[in-house]
Each structure stands twice: as structure tokens, then as C-alpha cells.
Amino acid sequence: MHADEFWEIVDGCKRESGGSFALRTRLLAASLASSSASELHSFAQHFSAAVDQAHTVDLMQAADLMSGGVSEDGFVYFRRWLVSLGSRVHHDALADADTLADVELGAPGGEDDCLFEEIFYVAQDVHMAKTGHPIVLPAPSLEEALARRQRQEALLDASAACPLPRLRRKYSRPRERL
């Protein structure tokens, strides 16, 4: 499966589901049901790569603002949600995280939330049902793991420096006076 095919599936599921996570999950499972084991493996690889691409300082700050505070696991779920929004939103957010201010959360027709853990497991579940075996993605090399750890530490150090004015206006809560 090529990246274009991956995004075509994701885009279609987002378009048909609106903001409903439950519906998006069911649509993705239905879309992947006729895929071969190798296609499911490829889908999972593309999904993981797109999640990894979104591991940036700006997007960590966006996740923190949009969710009211985010843990390391929460940031992973945020990036999974971002992938589930489709190629355009993902691409735009990679270029400028502040574009996520255009995404509605919790409103009728808006996204359920900005943390979407379950979407990542759909290809895995379909693969398991077909083959009886999980999808095994290659583990990062020691160099990749160390580089990822350094990026995570840099994210934590730099997150306060990201202004994201539109997201701050939309999600910052006024402080109560004492």
C-alpha cells in the first residue's frame, strides 16, 4: 500500500464519520476488512509514520492547550487523532500547528475529543481476526530510540516557547482572581 492509498482510506473514513470516533473506527474497520495481511501491515506502518511525523514541539503545545494538559501517552493519542483527521489537516498542522484552531471539539458536528487512542488498533484488530497473529512493526534501532528520547526532552524544554496565538485564544481559560 502506498502512502496515497493510506491517506485515501483515512480521508474517506473522516469524511463519512464527521466527528464521531465510534463511527470512524467502524468505518475504518470496514474499509480494511478486504485488505490482505500485507496491506494491513503497510497501513499500520503508514499510520505509525504519520504519528511519528507529528512529534513536534508545536503540536505538543497544541495538544496541551486543546486537551487542558497532556501526558506523554496523551500526546501519542493526540497525534493518532491528528492522523485520523486526514491528510490535509495532518499536513497543515505539521506546517503550522495553529491551524488546529479551525477544528471544532465537542460541538455538534465537531470532533468528539482530541485524544483518540483506539484508532491505532483498528488495523491490528482486523489483521488479528484474519490471521490470528498481531502486526509486528519493526522496533527502532538504538540510535533511533536515543534520538526519539532526545526529541522528547527537547519538546519538554521548548514547549513553553510556542505561542500558537489562535489556539491560545480559543482554549486558554481565564484565571480566577483570588
N, C-alpha and C. Protein backbone atom coordinates (compact mmCIF):
# COMPACT_ATOMS: atom_id res chain seq x y z
N MET A 1 0.85 -1.18 0.00
CA MET A 1 0.00 0.00 0.00
C MET A 1 0.90 1.24 0.00
N HIS A 2 0.62 2.14 -0.91
CA HIS A 2 1.35 3.40 -0.98
C HIS A 2 0.73 4.41 -0.03
N ALA A 3 1.49 5.44 0.29
CA ALA A 3 1.02 6.48 1.20
C ALA A 3 -0.28 7.12 0.70
N ASP A 4 -0.39 7.32 -0.61
CA ASP A 4 -1.62 7.91 -1.16
C ASP A 4 -2.84 7.04 -0.87
N GLU A 5 -2.67 5.73 -0.96
CA GLU A 5 -3.78 4.81 -0.66
C GLU A 5 -4.14 4.87 0.82
N PHE A 6 -3.12 4.93 1.66
CA PHE A 6 -3.34 5.05 3.10
C PHE A 6 -4.19 6.29 3.39
N TRP A 7 -3.76 7.44 2.86
CA TRP A 7 -4.48 8.69 3.13
C TRP A 7 -5.86 8.68 2.51
N GLU A 8 -6.03 8.02 1.38
CA GLU A 8 -7.36 7.94 0.77
C GLU A 8 -8.34 7.22 1.70
N ILE A 9 -7.88 6.15 2.34
CA ILE A 9 -8.72 5.42 3.29
C ILE A 9 -9.05 6.29 4.50
N VAL A 10 -8.02 6.91 5.07
CA VAL A 10 -8.21 7.75 6.26
C VAL A 10 -9.13 8.93 5.93
N ASP A 11 -8.88 9.58 4.80
CA ASP A 11 -9.71 10.73 4.40
C ASP A 11 -11.18 10.33 4.23
N GLY A 12 -11.41 9.18 3.61
CA GLY A 12 -12.78 8.71 3.40
C GLY A 12 -13.50 8.43 4.71
N CYS A 13 -12.80 7.80 5.64
CA CYS A 13 -13.41 7.50 6.95
C CYS A 13 -13.72 8.78 7.71
N LYS A 14 -12.83 9.75 7.67
CA LYS A 14 -13.09 11.03 8.34
C LYS A 14 -14.28 11.73 7.71
N ARG A 15 -14.29 11.78 6.40
CA ARG A 15 -15.38 12.47 5.68
C ARG A 15 -16.74 11.87 6.03
N GLU A 16 -16.82 10.54 6.08
CA GLU A 16 -18.09 9.86 6.33
C GLU A 16 -18.49 9.86 7.80
N SER A 17 -17.53 10.00 8.70
CA SER A 17 -17.84 9.88 10.13
C SER A 17 -18.09 11.21 10.82
N GLY A 18 -17.77 12.32 10.17
CA GLY A 18 -17.87 13.59 10.87
C GLY A 18 -16.91 13.59 12.04
N GLY A 19 -17.40 13.90 13.21
CA GLY A 19 -16.55 13.93 14.39
C GLY A 19 -16.69 12.73 15.29
N SER A 20 -17.51 11.75 14.90
CA SER A 20 -17.77 10.59 15.76
C SER A 20 -16.62 9.59 15.73
N PHE A 21 -15.98 9.39 16.88
CA PHE A 21 -14.88 8.42 16.96
C PHE A 21 -15.39 7.01 16.74
N ALA A 22 -16.54 6.68 17.33
CA ALA A 22 -17.08 5.32 17.20
C ALA A 22 -17.37 5.00 15.73
N LEU A 23 -17.98 5.93 15.03
CA LEU A 23 -18.28 5.70 13.62
C LEU A 23 -17.01 5.64 12.78
N ARG A 24 -16.05 6.50 13.07
CA ARG A 24 -14.79 6.50 12.32
C ARG A 24 -14.07 5.16 12.50
N THR A 25 -14.09 4.63 13.71
CA THR A 25 -13.46 3.34 13.98
C THR A 25 -14.15 2.23 13.20
N ARG A 26 -15.48 2.22 13.20
CA ARG A 26 -16.23 1.19 12.46
C ARG A 26 -15.99 1.31 10.95
N LEU A 27 -16.00 2.53 10.44
CA LEU A 27 -15.77 2.73 9.00
C LEU A 27 -14.37 2.29 8.60
N LEU A 28 -13.39 2.56 9.44
CA LEU A 28 -12.02 2.13 9.12
C LEU A 28 -11.93 0.62 9.12
N ALA A 29 -12.55 -0.03 10.10
CA ALA A 29 -12.54 -1.50 10.14
C ALA A 29 -13.20 -2.06 8.89
N ALA A 30 -14.31 -1.48 8.47
CA ALA A 30 -15.00 -1.94 7.25
C ALA A 30 -14.14 -1.70 6.02
N SER A 31 -13.46 -0.56 5.96
CA SER A 31 -12.59 -0.25 4.82
C SER A 31 -11.41 -1.20 4.72
N LEU A 32 -10.93 -1.66 5.87
CA LEU A 32 -9.76 -2.53 5.88
C LEU A 32 -10.12 -4.01 5.81
N ALA A 33 -11.38 -4.34 5.95
CA ALA A 33 -11.81 -5.75 6.03
C ALA A 33 -11.39 -6.58 4.83
N SER A 34 -11.35 -6.00 3.65
CA SER A 34 -10.99 -6.76 2.45
C SER A 34 -9.49 -6.68 2.14
N SER A 35 -8.72 -6.04 3.00
CA SER A 35 -7.28 -5.90 2.78
C SER A 35 -6.55 -7.19 3.11
N SER A 36 -5.47 -7.42 2.40
CA SER A 36 -4.62 -8.58 2.69
C SER A 36 -3.80 -8.30 3.94
N ALA A 37 -3.18 -9.33 4.48
CA ALA A 37 -2.34 -9.17 5.66
C ALA A 37 -1.20 -8.19 5.38
N SER A 38 -0.60 -8.26 4.20
CA SER A 38 0.50 -7.34 3.88
C SER A 38 -0.01 -5.91 3.74
N GLU A 39 -1.22 -5.73 3.21
CA GLU A 39 -1.80 -4.39 3.11
C GLU A 39 -2.10 -3.82 4.50
N LEU A 40 -2.57 -4.66 5.39
CA LEU A 40 -2.83 -4.22 6.77
C LEU A 40 -1.53 -3.82 7.46
N HIS A 41 -0.50 -4.60 7.23
CA HIS A 41 0.82 -4.28 7.79
C HIS A 41 1.31 -2.94 7.25
N SER A 42 1.15 -2.74 5.96
CA SER A 42 1.56 -1.48 5.34
C SER A 42 0.75 -0.31 5.88
N PHE A 43 -0.56 -0.51 6.05
CA PHE A 43 -1.41 0.54 6.62
C PHE A 43 -0.90 0.92 8.00
N ALA A 44 -0.61 -0.08 8.83
CA ALA A 44 -0.12 0.18 10.19
C ALA A 44 1.22 0.92 10.15
N GLN A 45 2.08 0.58 9.20
CA GLN A 45 3.36 1.28 9.07
C GLN A 45 3.15 2.75 8.69
N HIS A 46 2.26 3.00 7.74
CA HIS A 46 1.98 4.38 7.34
C HIS A 46 1.37 5.16 8.50
N PHE A 47 0.47 4.52 9.24
CA PHE A 47 -0.15 5.18 10.38
C PHE A 47 0.91 5.56 11.41
N SER A 48 1.78 4.62 11.73
CA SER A 48 2.84 4.88 12.71
C SER A 48 3.78 5.99 12.24
N ALA A 49 4.11 5.98 10.96
CA ALA A 49 4.99 7.02 10.41
C ALA A 49 4.34 8.39 10.50
N ALA A 50 3.04 8.47 10.22
CA ALA A 50 2.33 9.75 10.29
C ALA A 50 2.25 10.24 11.73
N VAL A 51 2.06 9.32 12.68
CA VAL A 51 2.06 9.68 14.10
C VAL A 51 3.44 10.22 14.49
N ASP A 52 4.49 9.54 14.04
CA ASP A 52 5.85 9.97 14.35
C ASP A 52 6.17 11.34 13.75
N GLN A 53 5.68 11.60 12.55
CA GLN A 53 5.91 12.91 11.92
C GLN A 53 5.35 14.04 12.77
N ALA A 54 4.30 13.77 13.48
CA ALA A 54 3.62 14.80 14.28
C ALA A 54 4.24 14.99 15.66
N HIS A 55 5.39 14.40 15.89
CA HIS A 55 6.08 14.52 17.17
C HIS A 55 6.92 15.79 17.15
N THR A 56 6.24 16.95 17.29
CA THR A 56 6.92 18.24 17.22
C THR A 56 6.57 19.08 18.44
N VAL A 57 7.40 20.08 18.69
CA VAL A 57 7.18 20.98 19.81
C VAL A 57 5.83 21.69 19.69
N ASP A 58 5.57 22.24 18.50
CA ASP A 58 4.32 22.99 18.30
C ASP A 58 3.10 22.11 18.53
N LEU A 59 3.15 20.89 18.05
CA LEU A 59 1.98 20.01 18.21
C LEU A 59 1.84 19.53 19.65
N MET A 60 2.95 19.41 20.38
CA MET A 60 2.83 19.08 21.80
C MET A 60 2.15 20.22 22.54
N GLN A 61 2.51 21.45 22.20
CA GLN A 61 1.87 22.61 22.82
C GLN A 61 0.39 22.66 22.44
N ALA A 62 0.08 22.37 21.17
CA ALA A 62 -1.32 22.35 20.72
C ALA A 62 -2.11 21.30 21.50
N ALA A 63 -1.52 20.12 21.68
CA ALA A 63 -2.19 19.06 22.43
C ALA A 63 -2.46 19.50 23.86
N ASP A 64 -1.48 20.15 24.45
CA ASP A 64 -1.62 20.62 25.82
C ASP A 64 -2.75 21.64 25.94
N LEU A 65 -2.80 22.58 25.00
CA LEU A 65 -3.86 23.59 25.02
C LEU A 65 -5.24 22.99 24.76
N MET A 66 -5.33 22.15 23.74
CA MET A 66 -6.64 21.63 23.32
C MET A 66 -7.23 20.64 24.32
N SER A 67 -6.36 19.91 25.02
CA SER A 67 -6.88 18.90 25.95
C SER A 67 -6.87 19.37 27.40
N GLY A 68 -6.35 20.56 27.64
CA GLY A 68 -6.30 21.06 29.01
C GLY A 68 -5.17 20.46 29.81
N GLY A 69 -4.15 19.97 29.13
CA GLY A 69 -3.00 19.33 29.76
C GLY A 69 -2.86 17.93 29.22
N VAL A 70 -1.65 17.55 28.86
CA VAL A 70 -1.47 16.26 28.21
C VAL A 70 -0.22 15.55 28.74
N SER A 71 -0.36 14.25 29.00
CA SER A 71 0.76 13.42 29.42
C SER A 71 1.51 12.93 28.18
N GLU A 72 2.57 12.18 28.39
CA GLU A 72 3.30 11.61 27.26
C GLU A 72 2.39 10.67 26.46
N ASP A 73 1.64 9.82 27.15
CA ASP A 73 0.69 8.94 26.46
C ASP A 73 -0.40 9.76 25.78
N GLY A 74 -0.88 10.79 26.46
CA GLY A 74 -1.90 11.65 25.88
C GLY A 74 -1.43 12.30 24.59
N PHE A 75 -0.15 12.65 24.53
CA PHE A 75 0.39 13.25 23.31
C PHE A 75 0.38 12.24 22.16
N VAL A 76 0.63 10.98 22.47
CA VAL A 76 0.53 9.93 21.44
C VAL A 76 -0.91 9.84 20.95
N TYR A 77 -1.88 9.84 21.86
CA TYR A 77 -3.29 9.74 21.47
C TYR A 77 -3.73 10.97 20.67
N PHE A 78 -3.18 12.13 21.01
CA PHE A 78 -3.45 13.35 20.26
C PHE A 78 -2.94 13.20 18.82
N ARG A 79 -1.74 12.67 18.66
CA ARG A 79 -1.17 12.51 17.32
C ARG A 79 -1.94 11.46 16.52
N ARG A 80 -2.46 10.44 17.18
CA ARG A 80 -3.31 9.46 16.49
C ARG A 80 -4.59 10.14 16.01
N TRP A 81 -5.17 10.98 16.86
CA TRP A 81 -6.35 11.74 16.47
C TRP A 81 -6.04 12.62 15.27
N LEU A 82 -4.89 13.28 15.31
CA LEU A 82 -4.50 14.16 14.21
C LEU A 82 -4.43 13.38 12.90
N VAL A 83 -3.85 12.20 12.91
CA VAL A 83 -3.79 11.37 11.70
C VAL A 83 -5.21 11.03 11.25
N SER A 84 -6.09 10.72 12.20
CA SER A 84 -7.46 10.32 11.84
C SER A 84 -8.25 11.45 11.19
N LEU A 85 -7.77 12.69 11.32
CA LEU A 85 -8.45 13.83 10.70
C LEU A 85 -8.21 13.90 9.19
N GLY A 86 -7.24 13.15 8.71
CA GLY A 86 -6.99 13.10 7.28
C GLY A 86 -5.74 13.85 6.85
N SER A 87 -5.42 13.66 5.57
CA SER A 87 -4.15 14.16 5.04
C SER A 87 -4.03 15.68 5.09
N ARG A 88 -5.08 16.38 4.75
CA ARG A 88 -4.98 17.85 4.69
C ARG A 88 -4.76 18.45 6.07
N VAL A 89 -5.57 18.05 7.03
CA VAL A 89 -5.43 18.61 8.39
C VAL A 89 -4.07 18.21 8.96
N HIS A 90 -3.66 16.96 8.75
CA HIS A 90 -2.36 16.49 9.23
C HIS A 90 -1.24 17.32 8.61
N HIS A 91 -1.27 17.45 7.30
CA HIS A 91 -0.23 18.21 6.59
C HIS A 91 -0.21 19.67 7.05
N ASP A 92 -1.38 20.29 7.14
CA ASP A 92 -1.45 21.69 7.56
C ASP A 92 -0.93 21.86 8.99
N ALA A 93 -1.27 20.93 9.88
CA ALA A 93 -0.83 21.03 11.27
C ALA A 93 0.67 20.83 11.40
N LEU A 94 1.25 19.98 10.54
CA LEU A 94 2.71 19.82 10.56
C LEU A 94 3.39 21.13 10.17
N ALA A 95 2.81 21.84 9.22
CA ALA A 95 3.37 23.11 8.77
C ALA A 95 3.10 24.24 9.76
N ASP A 96 1.93 24.21 10.41
CA ASP A 96 1.53 25.27 11.34
C ASP A 96 0.49 24.71 12.30
N ALA A 97 0.93 24.36 13.49
CA ALA A 97 0.03 23.74 14.48
C ALA A 97 -1.15 24.63 14.83
N ASP A 98 -1.01 25.92 14.66
CA ASP A 98 -2.09 26.85 14.99
C ASP A 98 -3.31 26.67 14.09
N THR A 99 -3.15 25.98 12.95
CA THR A 99 -4.31 25.71 12.07
C THR A 99 -5.32 24.80 12.75
N LEU A 100 -4.91 24.11 13.81
CA LEU A 100 -5.85 23.24 14.53
C LEU A 100 -6.93 24.05 15.25
N ALA A 101 -6.76 25.35 15.33
CA ALA A 101 -7.82 26.20 15.90
C ALA A 101 -9.08 26.12 15.04
N ASP A 102 -8.95 25.70 13.79
CA ASP A 102 -10.11 25.57 12.90
C ASP A 102 -10.92 24.30 13.15
N VAL A 103 -10.37 23.37 13.92
CA VAL A 103 -11.05 22.11 14.21
C VAL A 103 -11.94 22.31 15.43
N GLU A 104 -13.22 21.97 15.29
CA GLU A 104 -14.16 22.12 16.40
C GLU A 104 -14.16 20.86 17.26
N LEU A 105 -14.14 21.05 18.56
CA LEU A 105 -14.21 19.95 19.52
C LEU A 105 -15.50 20.06 20.32
N GLY A 106 -16.19 18.92 20.45
CA GLY A 106 -17.34 18.85 21.33
C GLY A 106 -18.62 19.50 20.83
N ALA A 107 -18.55 20.28 19.79
CA ALA A 107 -19.75 20.93 19.25
C ALA A 107 -20.48 19.95 18.33
N PRO A 108 -21.78 20.16 18.11
CA PRO A 108 -22.48 19.30 17.15
C PRO A 108 -21.76 19.32 15.80
N GLY A 109 -21.44 18.15 15.30
CA GLY A 109 -20.70 18.05 14.04
C GLY A 109 -19.21 18.19 14.20
N GLY A 110 -18.77 18.51 15.41
CA GLY A 110 -17.34 18.64 15.68
C GLY A 110 -16.76 17.33 16.16
N GLU A 111 -15.48 17.33 16.38
CA GLU A 111 -14.79 16.15 16.87
C GLU A 111 -15.23 15.81 18.30
N ASP A 112 -15.30 14.52 18.61
CA ASP A 112 -15.65 14.09 19.97
C ASP A 112 -14.65 14.65 20.99
N ASP A 113 -13.38 14.61 20.64
CA ASP A 113 -12.30 14.94 21.55
C ASP A 113 -11.05 15.10 20.70
N CYS A 114 -9.93 15.42 21.32
CA CYS A 114 -8.68 15.49 20.56
C CYS A 114 -7.69 14.41 20.98
N LEU A 115 -8.16 13.41 21.72
CA LEU A 115 -7.34 12.26 22.10
C LEU A 115 -8.07 11.02 21.62
N PHE A 116 -7.46 10.27 20.72
CA PHE A 116 -8.15 9.16 20.06
C PHE A 116 -7.22 7.95 20.02
N GLU A 117 -7.12 7.25 21.14
CA GLU A 117 -6.23 6.10 21.26
C GLU A 117 -6.65 4.95 20.35
N GLU A 118 -7.93 4.63 20.32
CA GLU A 118 -8.44 3.41 19.71
C GLU A 118 -8.18 3.29 18.21
N ILE A 119 -8.11 4.41 17.50
CA ILE A 119 -7.99 4.37 16.04
C ILE A 119 -6.75 3.59 15.60
N PHE A 120 -5.70 3.64 16.40
CA PHE A 120 -4.45 2.97 16.05
C PHE A 120 -4.62 1.45 16.01
N TYR A 121 -5.53 0.92 16.80
CA TYR A 121 -5.66 -0.53 16.93
C TYR A 121 -6.57 -1.18 15.89
N VAL A 122 -7.22 -0.40 15.06
CA VAL A 122 -8.18 -0.96 14.11
C VAL A 122 -7.50 -1.91 13.14
N ALA A 123 -6.42 -1.49 12.51
CA ALA A 123 -5.71 -2.36 11.56
C ALA A 123 -5.20 -3.61 12.27
N GLN A 124 -4.73 -3.44 13.49
CA GLN A 124 -4.25 -4.57 14.29
C GLN A 124 -5.38 -5.57 14.54
N ASP A 125 -6.54 -5.08 14.91
CA ASP A 125 -7.68 -5.96 15.19
C ASP A 125 -8.15 -6.69 13.94
N VAL A 126 -8.20 -6.00 12.81
CA VAL A 126 -8.61 -6.63 11.55
C VAL A 126 -7.59 -7.70 11.16
N HIS A 127 -6.31 -7.38 11.31
CA HIS A 127 -5.24 -8.34 10.98
C HIS A 127 -5.34 -9.57 11.88
N MET A 128 -5.57 -9.34 13.17
CA MET A 128 -5.66 -10.45 14.12
C MET A 128 -6.85 -11.34 13.79
N ALA A 129 -7.97 -10.75 13.41
CA ALA A 129 -9.16 -11.54 13.05
C ALA A 129 -8.90 -12.37 11.79
N LYS A 130 -8.13 -11.83 10.86
CA LYS A 130 -7.84 -12.54 9.60
C LYS A 130 -6.80 -13.63 9.76
N THR A 131 -5.75 -13.33 10.53
CA THR A 131 -4.59 -14.22 10.56
C THR A 131 -4.37 -14.93 11.89
N GLY A 132 -4.96 -14.40 12.95
CA GLY A 132 -4.70 -14.95 14.27
C GLY A 132 -3.39 -14.45 14.86
N HIS A 133 -2.73 -13.53 14.16
CA HIS A 133 -1.44 -13.00 14.61
C HIS A 133 -1.47 -11.48 14.61
N PRO A 134 -0.74 -10.87 15.55
CA PRO A 134 -0.68 -9.41 15.56
C PRO A 134 0.25 -8.89 14.46
N ILE A 135 0.08 -7.64 14.13
CA ILE A 135 1.03 -6.96 13.24
C ILE A 135 2.24 -6.61 14.09
N VAL A 136 3.40 -6.99 13.61
CA VAL A 136 4.63 -6.66 14.32
C VAL A 136 5.39 -5.64 13.48
N LEU A 137 5.46 -4.44 14.00
CA LEU A 137 6.21 -3.39 13.31
C LEU A 137 7.65 -3.43 13.80
N PRO A 138 8.59 -3.08 12.94
CA PRO A 138 9.99 -3.13 13.35
C PRO A 138 10.25 -2.17 14.51
N ALA A 139 11.03 -2.63 15.45
CA ALA A 139 11.41 -1.78 16.58
C ALA A 139 12.46 -0.79 16.11
N PRO A 140 12.47 0.40 16.70
CA PRO A 140 13.50 1.37 16.31
C PRO A 140 14.89 0.88 16.73
N SER A 141 15.88 1.28 15.97
CA SER A 141 17.26 0.95 16.34
C SER A 141 17.62 1.72 17.60
N LEU A 142 18.73 1.37 18.20
CA LEU A 142 19.19 2.08 19.40
C LEU A 142 19.38 3.57 19.09
N GLU A 143 19.95 3.86 17.92
CA GLU A 143 20.16 5.26 17.53
C GLU A 143 18.83 5.99 17.40
N GLU A 144 17.85 5.33 16.78
CA GLU A 144 16.52 5.95 16.64
C GLU A 144 15.87 6.17 18.00
N ALA A 145 16.01 5.19 18.89
CA ALA A 145 15.42 5.30 20.22
C ALA A 145 16.06 6.45 21.00
N LEU A 146 17.38 6.58 20.91
CA LEU A 146 18.06 7.68 21.59
C LEU A 146 17.67 9.03 21.00
N ALA A 147 17.57 9.09 19.68
CA ALA A 147 17.16 10.34 19.02
C ALA A 147 15.74 10.71 19.43
N ARG A 148 14.86 9.72 19.52
CA ARG A 148 13.48 9.98 19.94
C ARG A 148 13.46 10.51 21.37
N ARG A 149 14.25 9.91 22.24
CA ARG A 149 14.30 10.36 23.63
C ARG A 149 14.80 11.80 23.71
N GLN A 150 15.82 12.12 22.91
CA GLN A 150 16.34 13.49 22.90
C GLN A 150 15.28 14.47 22.39
N ARG A 151 14.51 14.05 21.38
CA ARG A 151 13.43 14.90 20.87
C ARG A 151 12.38 15.13 21.95
N GLN A 152 12.06 14.08 22.71
CA GLN A 152 11.07 14.22 23.77
C GLN A 152 11.54 15.20 24.84
N GLU A 153 12.81 15.10 25.20
CA GLU A 153 13.35 16.03 26.19
C GLU A 153 13.36 17.46 25.65
N ALA A 154 13.70 17.61 24.37
CA ALA A 154 13.69 18.94 23.75
C ALA A 154 12.26 19.49 23.70
N LEU A 155 11.30 18.61 23.45
CA LEU A 155 9.90 19.05 23.43
C LEU A 155 9.50 19.64 24.77
N LEU A 156 9.86 18.94 25.82
CA LEU A 156 9.51 19.41 27.16
C LEU A 156 10.19 20.74 27.47
N ASP A 157 11.46 20.86 27.07
CA ASP A 157 12.19 22.10 27.32
C ASP A 157 11.65 23.27 26.51
N ALA A 158 11.24 23.00 25.28
CA ALA A 158 10.86 24.09 24.36
C ALA A 158 9.37 24.39 24.35
N SER A 159 8.55 23.56 24.98
CA SER A 159 7.10 23.71 24.81
C SER A 159 6.58 25.06 25.28
N ALA A 160 7.21 25.66 26.26
CA ALA A 160 6.73 26.96 26.75
C ALA A 160 6.99 28.09 25.76
N ALA A 161 7.88 27.86 24.79
CA ALA A 161 8.25 28.92 23.85
C ALA A 161 7.34 28.98 22.63
N CYS A 162 6.37 28.10 22.52
CA CYS A 162 5.50 28.06 21.34
C CYS A 162 4.26 28.90 21.58
N PRO A 163 4.11 30.00 20.85
CA PRO A 163 2.98 30.89 21.14
C PRO A 163 1.61 30.38 20.68
N LEU A 164 1.46 29.90 19.45
CA LEU A 164 0.18 29.41 18.92
C LEU A 164 -0.97 30.35 19.29
N PRO A 165 -0.98 31.57 18.78
CA PRO A 165 -1.95 32.57 19.24
C PRO A 165 -3.41 32.18 19.05
N ARG A 166 -3.77 31.58 17.94
CA ARG A 166 -5.18 31.23 17.72
C ARG A 166 -5.63 30.15 18.69
N LEU A 167 -4.80 29.13 18.88
CA LEU A 167 -5.15 28.07 19.83
C LEU A 167 -5.21 28.61 21.25
N ARG A 168 -4.29 29.49 21.60
CA ARG A 168 -4.31 30.08 22.95
C ARG A 168 -5.59 30.87 23.18
N ARG A 169 -5.99 31.66 22.20
CA ARG A 169 -7.24 32.42 22.35
C ARG A 169 -8.44 31.49 22.50
N LYS A 170 -8.43 30.42 21.74
CA LYS A 170 -9.59 29.52 21.74
C LYS A 170 -9.66 28.65 22.99
N TYR A 171 -8.51 28.18 23.49
CA TYR A 171 -8.52 27.18 24.56
C TYR A 171 -7.99 27.66 25.90
N SER A 172 -7.37 28.81 25.98
CA SER A 172 -6.88 29.28 27.28
C SER A 172 -8.07 29.66 28.14
N ARG A 173 -8.02 29.21 29.36
CA ARG A 173 -9.09 29.52 30.29
C ARG A 173 -8.66 30.70 31.15
N PRO A 174 -9.56 31.65 31.37
CA PRO A 174 -9.19 32.79 32.22
C PRO A 174 -8.90 32.31 33.64
N ARG A 175 -7.90 32.92 34.23
CA ARG A 175 -7.55 32.55 35.60
C ARG A 175 -8.49 33.25 36.57
N GLU A 176 -8.86 32.52 37.60
CA GLU A 176 -9.73 33.11 38.62
C GLU A 176 -8.91 34.03 39.51
N ARG A 177 -9.52 35.11 39.90
CA ARG A 177 -8.86 36.02 40.83
C ARG A 177 -9.03 35.49 42.24
N LEU A 178 -7.97 35.61 43.00
CA LEU A 178 -8.02 35.15 44.40
C LEU A 178 -8.41 36.26 45.31
